[in-house]
Amino acid sequence: MTGPGATAPVLLTSAQATSTTALLTAAAAARGLATAVLPGPGTGLDNDTVERLAGRPVHWYGGPFAAARIADRLDLALLEPADDWLAALPEEFTGRRIELTTLAEAWTLRRPAFVKPPADKSLPPAVYADGGRLPRTGERIGPDTPVLVSDPVTFGAEYRLFVLDGTVRTGSRYARFGRLDPGPLTGQAVAFARRLLAAVGPSLPSAVALDIGTLLDPYDPAERWAVVEANLPWFAHCYAADPASVLDVVLRAAGPADAVRAADRRFVRRADRHP
């Protein structure tokens, strides 16, 4: 563990080293937070790390399955959007039909559809020709696994925005035409996000990562903005966004349970969310 003192807040990250992990760790250290890494479950060292951090204010950046092993023991509260948030949006903001259902129901699909879990990566997000192409079993999926089923669409440019208290703090482009291509945030992206947040802001946690983009329609050349999805800030790549501002959002979205604001309590991830 690194940091200025044994009582300082701690940013705990998963053992999976990514560019975002490195950037957030550096940003945390620059503002005086201690930093620590949670070893993988196969090392036998994760319990030692948790025991050393018990009783301290801990914030988390990493995957939901690793977080599930430690959240209770570190009194960690993880904010996440409601599973049906995207499906409940007016089509004005989505540009497509979206339904929240179960994997068992999705198996009965007889048309092409884009299928994904609401938040985690328990199921590969993809366009499936029909329900018969979807996975049937797995370590982290079953018939009752919630999934979002939507009409297949094509996004031109896609942007990730990190939002705190209804305000876009930072963000960047992360893809063009489905290919990774980080770049600067545009005024048009921020303008659409502001309109969206003004309309549906209370339905989101106070700290969230919001993906939006431009829809490509061969029958309509006019640019149309739409929501891609709402993400977990504590498990979202920052791409070309400002790491210090991303850290602000992560610290709110994954931190001590006794610091959760009243309006955010309904967004705290359940302990039984995953096996």
Protein backbone atom coordinates (compact mmCIF):
# COMPACT_ATOMS: atom_id res chain seq x y z
CA MET A 1 0.00 0.00 0.00
CA THR A 2 1.16 3.54 -0.70
CA GLY A 3 -0.03 6.79 0.84
CA PRO A 4 0.75 9.54 3.33
CA GLY A 5 -0.82 8.00 6.41
CA ALA A 6 -2.68 5.07 7.88
CA THR A 7 -5.94 7.01 8.32
CA ALA A 8 -6.17 8.59 4.87
CA PRO A 9 -8.95 7.48 2.53
CA VAL A 10 -7.86 4.64 0.28
CA LEU A 11 -8.43 4.06 -3.42
CA LEU A 12 -8.43 0.29 -3.78
CA THR A 13 -8.09 -1.04 -7.32
CA SER A 14 -8.33 -4.50 -8.81
CA ALA A 15 -5.24 -6.46 -9.78
CA GLN A 16 -6.12 -6.08 -13.46
CA ALA A 17 -3.77 -3.31 -14.59
CA THR A 18 -5.32 -0.95 -17.15
CA SER A 19 -4.46 2.51 -18.35
CA THR A 20 -7.42 3.88 -16.38
CA THR A 21 -6.26 2.15 -13.19
CA ALA A 22 -2.83 3.77 -13.58
CA LEU A 23 -4.30 7.20 -14.29
CA LEU A 24 -6.72 7.10 -11.38
CA THR A 25 -4.07 5.79 -8.98
CA ALA A 26 -1.80 8.68 -9.94
CA ALA A 27 -4.64 11.19 -9.57
CA ALA A 28 -5.55 9.76 -6.15
CA ALA A 29 -1.96 9.93 -4.90
CA ALA A 30 -1.66 13.51 -6.13
CA ARG A 31 -4.52 14.60 -3.90
CA GLY A 32 -3.31 12.73 -0.82
CA LEU A 33 -5.27 9.50 -0.96
CA ALA A 34 -3.58 6.25 -0.08
CA THR A 35 -3.68 3.61 -2.82
CA ALA A 36 -3.77 -0.18 -2.68
CA VAL A 37 -4.25 -3.11 -5.05
CA LEU A 38 -6.54 -6.06 -4.36
CA PRO A 39 -4.71 -9.26 -5.34
CA GLY A 40 -6.60 -11.81 -7.39
CA PRO A 41 -8.58 -14.52 -5.53
CA GLY A 42 -6.15 -17.21 -6.62
CA THR A 43 -3.22 -15.59 -4.82
CA GLY A 44 -4.58 -16.10 -1.31
CA LEU A 45 -3.54 -12.54 -0.47
CA ASP A 46 -6.83 -10.70 -0.96
CA ASN A 47 -7.98 -11.47 2.59
CA ASP A 48 -4.77 -9.96 3.98
CA THR A 49 -5.37 -6.76 2.00
CA VAL A 50 -8.98 -6.50 3.18
CA GLU A 51 -7.97 -7.06 6.80
CA ARG A 52 -5.38 -4.27 6.59
CA LEU A 53 -7.98 -1.87 5.18
CA ALA A 54 -10.87 -2.77 7.49
CA GLY A 55 -12.14 0.26 9.37
CA ARG A 56 -10.68 2.76 6.92
CA PRO A 57 -12.66 4.84 4.37
CA VAL A 58 -12.20 2.83 1.18
CA HIS A 59 -13.14 3.68 -2.39
CA TRP A 60 -13.13 1.11 -5.18
CA TYR A 61 -12.18 1.02 -8.85
CA GLY A 62 -12.48 -2.39 -10.51
CA GLY A 63 -14.92 -5.06 -11.59
CA PRO A 64 -18.21 -5.94 -9.91
CA PHE A 65 -17.31 -9.56 -9.20
CA ALA A 66 -14.13 -8.62 -7.35
CA ALA A 67 -16.10 -5.91 -5.54
CA ALA A 68 -18.67 -8.48 -4.42
CA ARG A 69 -15.96 -10.33 -2.48
CA ILE A 70 -14.99 -7.28 -0.43
CA ALA A 71 -17.92 -4.85 -0.27
CA ASP A 72 -19.47 -6.12 2.97
CA ARG A 73 -16.17 -6.52 4.78
CA LEU A 74 -15.05 -3.00 3.87
CA ASP A 75 -18.51 -1.43 4.33
CA LEU A 76 -18.35 -0.34 0.72
CA ALA A 77 -21.38 1.06 -1.13
CA LEU A 78 -21.39 0.78 -4.92
CA LEU A 79 -23.80 2.93 -6.91
CA GLU A 80 -25.36 1.62 -10.11
CA PRO A 81 -28.22 2.74 -12.38
CA ALA A 82 -31.45 0.78 -12.15
CA ASP A 83 -31.61 -2.21 -14.50
CA ASP A 84 -34.62 -0.74 -16.32
CA TRP A 85 -33.24 2.80 -16.67
CA LEU A 86 -32.41 2.52 -20.36
CA ALA A 87 -35.60 0.63 -21.21
CA ALA A 88 -37.71 3.23 -19.41
CA LEU A 89 -36.30 6.18 -21.38
CA PRO A 90 -38.55 7.82 -23.96
CA GLU A 91 -37.63 6.80 -27.51
CA GLU A 92 -36.79 10.47 -28.03
CA PHE A 93 -33.55 9.74 -26.17
CA THR A 94 -32.88 6.16 -27.31
CA GLY A 95 -33.82 6.10 -30.99
CA ARG A 96 -34.77 2.42 -30.69
CA ARG A 97 -37.02 -0.02 -28.87
CA ILE A 98 -35.48 -1.40 -25.69
CA GLU A 99 -36.94 -3.96 -23.30
CA LEU A 100 -35.69 -5.27 -19.97
CA THR A 101 -36.38 -8.99 -19.73
CA THR A 102 -34.72 -12.23 -18.63
CA LEU A 103 -32.28 -14.42 -20.47
CA ALA A 104 -34.93 -17.16 -20.57
CA GLU A 105 -37.32 -14.82 -22.38
CA ALA A 106 -34.56 -13.69 -24.74
CA TRP A 107 -33.97 -17.34 -25.73
CA THR A 108 -37.40 -17.24 -27.43
CA LEU A 109 -36.48 -14.36 -29.76
CA ARG A 110 -37.11 -15.06 -33.43
CA ARG A 111 -35.53 -11.87 -34.78
CA PRO A 112 -32.11 -10.22 -34.67
CA ALA A 113 -31.59 -8.17 -31.51
CA PHE A 114 -28.83 -6.54 -29.55
CA VAL A 115 -28.67 -8.23 -26.14
CA LYS A 116 -26.61 -7.20 -23.14
CA PRO A 117 -26.74 -7.25 -19.34
CA PRO A 118 -27.84 -3.92 -17.81
CA ALA A 119 -24.48 -3.20 -16.16
CA ASP A 120 -21.92 -5.99 -15.82
CA LYS A 121 -20.21 -8.18 -18.42
CA SER A 122 -21.72 -11.54 -17.45
CA LEU A 123 -22.98 -11.96 -21.02
CA PRO A 124 -21.13 -10.83 -24.19
CA PRO A 125 -23.00 -7.75 -25.52
CA ALA A 126 -23.71 -8.37 -29.21
CA VAL A 127 -26.27 -8.53 -31.97
CA TYR A 128 -27.65 -12.08 -31.97
CA ALA A 129 -29.43 -13.43 -35.05
CA ASP A 130 -32.07 -14.97 -32.77
CA GLY A 131 -32.49 -16.23 -29.22
CA GLY A 132 -31.05 -19.61 -30.07
CA ARG A 133 -27.62 -18.02 -30.46
CA LEU A 134 -27.55 -16.74 -26.88
CA PRO A 135 -25.54 -18.61 -24.21
CA ARG A 136 -27.60 -21.08 -22.18
CA THR A 137 -25.49 -21.62 -19.10
CA GLY A 138 -22.44 -20.20 -17.45
CA GLU A 139 -20.80 -19.46 -14.14
CA ARG A 140 -22.49 -16.07 -13.86
CA ILE A 141 -25.65 -16.44 -15.95
CA GLY A 142 -28.86 -18.40 -15.73
CA PRO A 143 -32.47 -18.23 -16.93
CA ASP A 144 -33.28 -15.37 -14.53
CA THR A 145 -30.30 -13.20 -15.56
CA PRO A 146 -31.67 -9.75 -16.48
CA VAL A 147 -30.88 -8.60 -20.02
CA LEU A 148 -31.69 -5.60 -22.18
CA VAL A 149 -33.01 -6.45 -25.64
CA SER A 150 -32.99 -3.68 -28.23
CA ASP A 151 -33.36 -3.11 -31.96
CA PRO A 152 -29.97 -3.28 -33.68
CA VAL A 153 -28.69 0.19 -34.58
CA THR A 154 -25.39 1.64 -35.77
CA PHE A 155 -23.66 4.42 -33.91
CA GLY A 156 -21.28 6.76 -35.71
CA ALA A 157 -19.37 8.46 -32.91
CA GLU A 158 -19.73 7.32 -29.29
CA TYR A 159 -18.83 9.36 -26.21
CA ARG A 160 -18.42 8.56 -22.52
CA LEU A 161 -19.33 11.33 -20.07
CA PHE A 162 -18.63 11.26 -16.35
CA VAL A 163 -21.50 12.95 -14.54
CA LEU A 164 -21.59 14.23 -10.96
CA ASP A 165 -24.69 15.84 -9.44
CA GLY A 166 -26.29 16.15 -12.87
CA THR A 167 -23.30 17.99 -14.37
CA VAL A 168 -20.91 16.64 -16.98
CA ARG A 169 -17.51 16.82 -15.29
CA THR A 170 -15.43 15.37 -18.12
CA GLY A 171 -15.62 12.93 -21.00
CA SER A 172 -14.28 11.92 -24.37
CA ARG A 173 -15.08 10.13 -27.56
CA TYR A 174 -14.26 6.45 -27.28
CA ALA A 175 -15.32 4.94 -30.62
CA ARG A 176 -16.25 5.68 -34.20
CA PHE A 177 -18.25 3.24 -36.30
CA GLY A 178 -17.83 0.60 -33.61
CA ARG A 179 -14.04 0.82 -33.46
CA LEU A 180 -12.02 2.16 -30.54
CA ASP A 181 -11.02 5.74 -31.35
CA PRO A 182 -10.58 8.04 -28.30
CA GLY A 183 -10.85 11.73 -28.99
CA PRO A 184 -12.05 15.02 -27.53
CA LEU A 185 -15.53 15.67 -26.21
CA THR A 186 -17.67 17.85 -28.48
CA GLY A 187 -20.10 20.63 -27.67
CA GLN A 188 -22.89 18.71 -29.38
CA ALA A 189 -22.33 15.72 -27.11
CA VAL A 190 -22.43 17.87 -23.99
CA ALA A 191 -25.55 19.69 -25.21
CA PHE A 192 -27.42 16.41 -25.73
CA ALA A 193 -26.28 15.12 -22.34
CA ARG A 194 -27.50 18.28 -20.63
CA ARG A 195 -30.91 17.96 -22.27
CA LEU A 196 -31.10 14.32 -21.25
CA LEU A 197 -30.01 14.96 -17.66
CA ALA A 198 -32.48 17.81 -17.30
CA ALA A 199 -35.27 15.44 -18.31
CA VAL A 200 -34.29 12.25 -16.48
CA GLY A 201 -31.53 13.23 -14.05
CA PRO A 202 -33.31 12.12 -10.83
CA SER A 203 -33.59 8.60 -12.24
CA LEU A 204 -29.80 8.24 -12.13
CA PRO A 205 -27.32 8.04 -9.25
CA SER A 206 -25.53 11.29 -8.45
CA ALA A 207 -22.36 9.77 -9.93
CA VAL A 208 -22.64 7.91 -13.22
CA ALA A 209 -20.83 7.24 -16.49
CA LEU A 210 -23.10 7.98 -19.41
CA ASP A 211 -22.48 6.71 -22.95
CA ILE A 212 -24.14 8.55 -25.83
CA GLY A 213 -23.63 8.71 -29.57
CA THR A 214 -24.88 9.63 -33.01
CA LEU A 215 -27.14 7.18 -34.81
CA LEU A 216 -26.51 6.32 -38.44
CA ASP A 217 -29.68 5.98 -40.51
CA PRO A 218 -29.32 5.39 -44.27
CA TYR A 219 -32.82 6.77 -44.78
CA ASP A 220 -32.25 9.94 -42.77
CA PRO A 221 -28.97 11.84 -43.17
CA ALA A 222 -29.77 14.19 -40.27
CA GLU A 223 -27.61 13.71 -37.20
CA ARG A 224 -29.54 12.16 -34.32
CA TRP A 225 -28.18 11.77 -30.82
CA ALA A 226 -29.15 8.86 -28.61
CA VAL A 227 -28.22 7.17 -25.35
CA VAL A 228 -26.02 4.09 -25.66
CA GLU A 229 -26.19 3.08 -21.98
CA ALA A 230 -25.50 4.18 -18.42
CA ASN A 231 -22.38 2.65 -16.87
CA LEU A 232 -20.74 2.05 -13.51
CA PRO A 233 -18.09 4.80 -13.07
CA TRP A 234 -16.09 2.47 -10.85
CA PHE A 235 -15.77 0.01 -13.74
CA ALA A 236 -15.53 2.38 -16.72
CA HIS A 237 -12.49 3.28 -18.80
CA CYS A 238 -11.80 6.99 -18.90
CA TYR A 239 -10.29 6.99 -22.43
CA ALA A 240 -9.26 10.61 -23.13
CA ALA A 241 -11.22 12.18 -20.24
CA ASP A 242 -9.49 14.14 -17.48
CA PRO A 243 -8.41 11.57 -14.85
CA ALA A 244 -8.76 13.95 -11.89
CA SER A 245 -12.38 14.69 -12.83
CA VAL A 246 -13.08 11.01 -13.45
CA LEU A 247 -11.72 10.30 -9.98
CA ASP A 248 -14.22 12.75 -8.47
CA VAL A 249 -17.04 10.68 -9.97
CA VAL A 250 -15.51 7.34 -8.96
CA LEU A 251 -15.03 8.44 -5.34
CA ARG A 252 -18.73 9.31 -5.06
CA ALA A 253 -19.88 6.18 -6.89
CA ALA A 254 -17.91 3.66 -4.83
CA GLY A 255 -17.06 4.59 -1.26
CA PRO A 256 -17.97 4.21 2.41
CA ALA A 257 -21.58 3.20 3.00
CA ASP A 258 -22.02 5.79 5.76
CA ALA A 259 -21.23 8.56 3.26
CA VAL A 260 -23.98 7.65 0.79
CA ARG A 261 -26.44 10.48 0.28
CA ALA A 262 -30.10 9.86 0.98
CA ALA A 263 -31.09 10.26 -2.68
CA ASP A 264 -28.50 7.67 -3.70
CA ARG A 265 -29.47 4.92 -1.29
CA ARG A 266 -31.87 3.32 -3.77
CA PHE A 267 -28.98 2.96 -6.22
CA VAL A 268 -26.66 1.02 -3.90
CA ARG A 269 -25.80 -2.33 -5.44
CA ARG A 270 -27.37 -5.24 -3.56
CA ALA A 271 -25.07 -7.68 -1.78
CA ASP A 272 -26.85 -10.58 -3.52
CA ARG A 273 -26.54 -9.02 -6.97
CA HIS A 274 -24.11 -11.71 -8.12
CA PRO A 275 -23.03 -15.13 -6.89
